[in-house]
Amino acid sequence: MWAVLEINPLLLVYLILLYSFLSSAVSNSLYSSSCQLQGQFHLNGLHKAGDVVLGGIFQIHFFSVFPDMSFTSEPQQPTCHGFDILGFRQAQTMAFAIDEINRNSNLLPNVTLGYTLYDNCLKLGIGFRAAMSLVSGQEQQFILDETCVGTPPVIGIVGDSSSTRSIAISSVIGLYRVPMVSYFATCSCLSDRQKFPSFFRTIPSDAFQVRAMIQILNHFGWTWAGLLVSDDDYGLHAARSFQSDLAHSDGGCLAYFEILPWGSDQAELRRIVEVMRKSTARVVIVFAHESHMINLMEEVVRQNVTGLQWMASEAWTAATVLQTPDLMPYLAGTLGIAIRRGEIPGLREFLLEIRPDLHHNNSNGNSIVKLFWEYTFQCRFTPPPAGWVKAGGALCTGQEDLKDVKTEFLDVLNLRSEYNVYKAVYALAYALDDMLQCTPGRGPFSGHSCGNIKGLEPWQLVYYLQKVNFITPFGDQVSFDENGDALPIYDIMNWLWLPDGIINVQNVGEVKRLAFKGEKLTIYEDRIFWNFESKKPPFSVCSESCPPGTRMARRKGEPVCCFDCIPCSDGKISNETDSMECTSCPEDFWSSPKHDHCVPKKTEFLSYHEPLGIGLMAASLLGTCMCAVVLGIFIYHRRTPVVRANNSELSFQLLLSLKLCFLCSLLFIGRPRLWTCQLRHAAFGISFVLSISCILVKTMVVLAVFKASKPGGGASLKWFGVFQQRGTVIVLTSIQAAICTAWIVSASPVPHKNTQYHTDKIVYECIVGSTFGFAVLLGYIGLLAILSFLIAFISRNLPDSFNEAKLITFSMLIFCAVWVAFVPAYISSPGKYADAVEVFAILASSFGLLGALFGPKCYIILLRPERNTKKAIMGRNIQSQ
């Protein structure tokens, strides 16, 4: 758990001392068949004999005293004091697991496990001595032949609890591939198989703890948090991993990162708490020891910084020293990572059976059991220290009952580190069992050989330990990956503060990695106590999520979690929160008002359902009806002089062509389709050429009749007979028909969805296909119109009784004026308004021709019938009334 990588200078002395012992043994072996141990370490331990022995290193004392080193005489052995009852419970858990395995006929049958457990006194030097004693043995003398072929003193070690000691010990015993299974060392550096080839552990590394923290942040949507770490390798390595993993997960940002000082540096703590108070981050993550937290919380209380959601690393999640009434207004609701709690059936009963009188040999651990007994019952065994009895101290009898005392030693409801010890022992046992079940000739070693209990090599056990896989009675899977790390699992704890002041650290979930299935986070939110008025999770973000329809714009110089939300421009959308970019809608779609989805663009064309289309359609039908009415009048009065004058057949043809002109305007209204696009201009061109042709022939007939009325002018009429008139109209119209046919065949007008006029609309229009073809069509109409206008203009001064020249001149003047005005209006009008302009021009010119040419005649026929006589028509002096 706590990794302090700088090696104690005493380690060098121990290595030299070990080297001298080994050198002496080797030198003696040159002259003798046995080795003589030159010295022994005095270690506190528990022992039990067996066919195969497992070693263990535990923290049974808090403190140690080393003698002064004068380097002039052999130093005295260090002494330990300050009994650690939880460390003793861990050691007893290993003893219980071995006892349980020995009673299990399905695991290691016919093999009895023993153990040798040593106290490290929370010191690197003593822990290293214990490890060397385990792998080398403590016998005074041993025969070389037996030692070389026999089972080593221990086949594996359970321990150590500290990352620092585990690093030092595993660095040496790993050279000989002696397996070491730690239950509490979390430094991620121990996953390096090159440096620690035989190291395993049943506790997750700090790397997984960091990922677990990040998963919790992501679960509650906390993207803005502060990070506090202790000023040691535990905190600094965790901070490095946290920052790296947070950056790769895109799960959030750090509002601040501070290193907590050792000791009570008030100025630095005041500055750090001031940063926390001013920050907008409501979540504070702390990778530190409880000693750092005590100093920090004193300053937090002093500045009264409330409203924070604390997240605790496993180093202080269960720290009872912080669970006080003074601190709970600030720390209540804390979420923390804790070592997996497990249940070990039968452990409490085993612990209750401990009796100092059952161990008569100090070498088997009676001294440690006596220390435990004295600590628990506050008594002393005979002989007691001087003055103990006089001071009222009690003497231990060994018959005291553990059931009668309230001790943390018997609390088996919250087993965490002990559960890891239990799993470590079983991992070694299952590995040994797998090895002993090997079939000779099919083994994994050289020559397909198998390991055996008489010639067991530690490296053989490492091979099987790497492949171990079993389920604990509590239901947890235990196996190791290629780095020696077990499948990680953590409990998620929450500090509950009840109204009556009771403080309870409760389990609210777990985070674990499943084999081949990745990591899984489970949180029971309904169990969590939130220390806020809302009783809900806090909101801790630098910038709120950008809603759909906006995009994120990073703030310069600030973390990536700090951004502004910029609305998407027209035609672009973002349908997700926190979108980095707005995406353009497809061509036929446009952004919704909220810019969160694309909607089909509105379509625009000259419709029959809109007022403009209705008005133009009504005008077209009105013109058509008027032509039909005039035609009916002319047919009814076809024998009258007004109708018969100036070739009534041409008048009928002209009325029919004008009707076609009115009707062709309907092709410009409605959704453009291929056939309407092709037909509208062709019908328009041919209809108007037919009309203009009739007018042109009428004008030429007027001029010919006038010339024929003069002496010697009769010959001019032979060129303008009925057949010639019809032929001229047909030829002139056929030319326009040929122009239209060539245009449609070569570059046909087609419907087109125009998105250039309006970005949010699709304008349906007919593109002419060939501008040249359209220009020729209009030019031909214009040519005929100008020709008709010129001839009519020349004939305007002829006697009124002979001609319609003035009416034709006036009608052609209206026609030309309309179409001259049409060209710029058409070019400058977008979309449907271009069609409307063209329809208006068609209708205006058609009404102009109809009114100018047939209005006066209808006036005479209907209102002045007295003028509808041959005499009146031929007379020169009849005045209009």
Foldseek 3Di string as FASTA:
>chain_A
DAAFADDDPCVVVVVVVVVVQVVQQVVVVVVDQKGFGPDAADWFKAKDDWLAEEEEEFAQAQAKDFDDCPVPDDGDHIDGHHGDLVRVLLVLLLVVLQVVQQVDCVFPHPTRYMYMYTHQNPDLVSLLSRLVCQQQPDDRMDGPVQQQQFDTSHLAYEDDQEQNSCLVNQQPVQVQLRAYEYLHYAAPVLLPCVRRVRYFYAAHHLLVLLVVVLVVCQVVLFAEEAEEEEPRCQRVVSVVSNVVVCVVVVRHDYPYYYYQYPDQPPVRLLVVLVSVQPDLFQEYEYHYAVNSVVNNQVNCLVVVRANHAYEYEQRCLPPVVQLDPSNCLHHALHKYWHFDFFADPPSLVSVQPDFLVVDPDVSNNSVSSQVVVCVQVVADEPPGPPCCVVVVGHYDPRPDGPVVGDDPSNPNRGDGSSVRSSVVSVLLSQLVRVQCPQDACCDPDPSNGGADNGRDRSNSSSVSSQVDWDADPRGDIFHAHPSNYTFHKIFMWGWHQDPVGDTDIDTFWMWTQDVVPGIDTDGNLVPGQDSDPVRDDDHGFQDDWAAKQWEWAADPPDDRRHTDTHGDDKQWIDQDIHHHDTHGDPQQWIADPSRNDTDGFAEDAQACPDPLNVVLLVLLVVQLVVLVVLLVLCVVVVVFQLCPALNNVLVNQLSVLLNLLSVLLNLRYDFDAQVSQLVSLLSNLLSLQLNLLSLLLSLVQLVLVLQCVDPPSVVSCVCNDPVNSVVSSVVSSVVLNVLSVVQCVPFNWGWDFDCVVDVRYTFIDTDRRDPVSSCVSVVSSVVSLVSSLVSLVVCVPPQQLRHLSVLSNQLSVQLVVLVVVLVVQLVPDDGNVNSSSVSVSSSRSSVSNCCSPRVVVVCCVPPNVVCRHPCNSNDRPDDDD
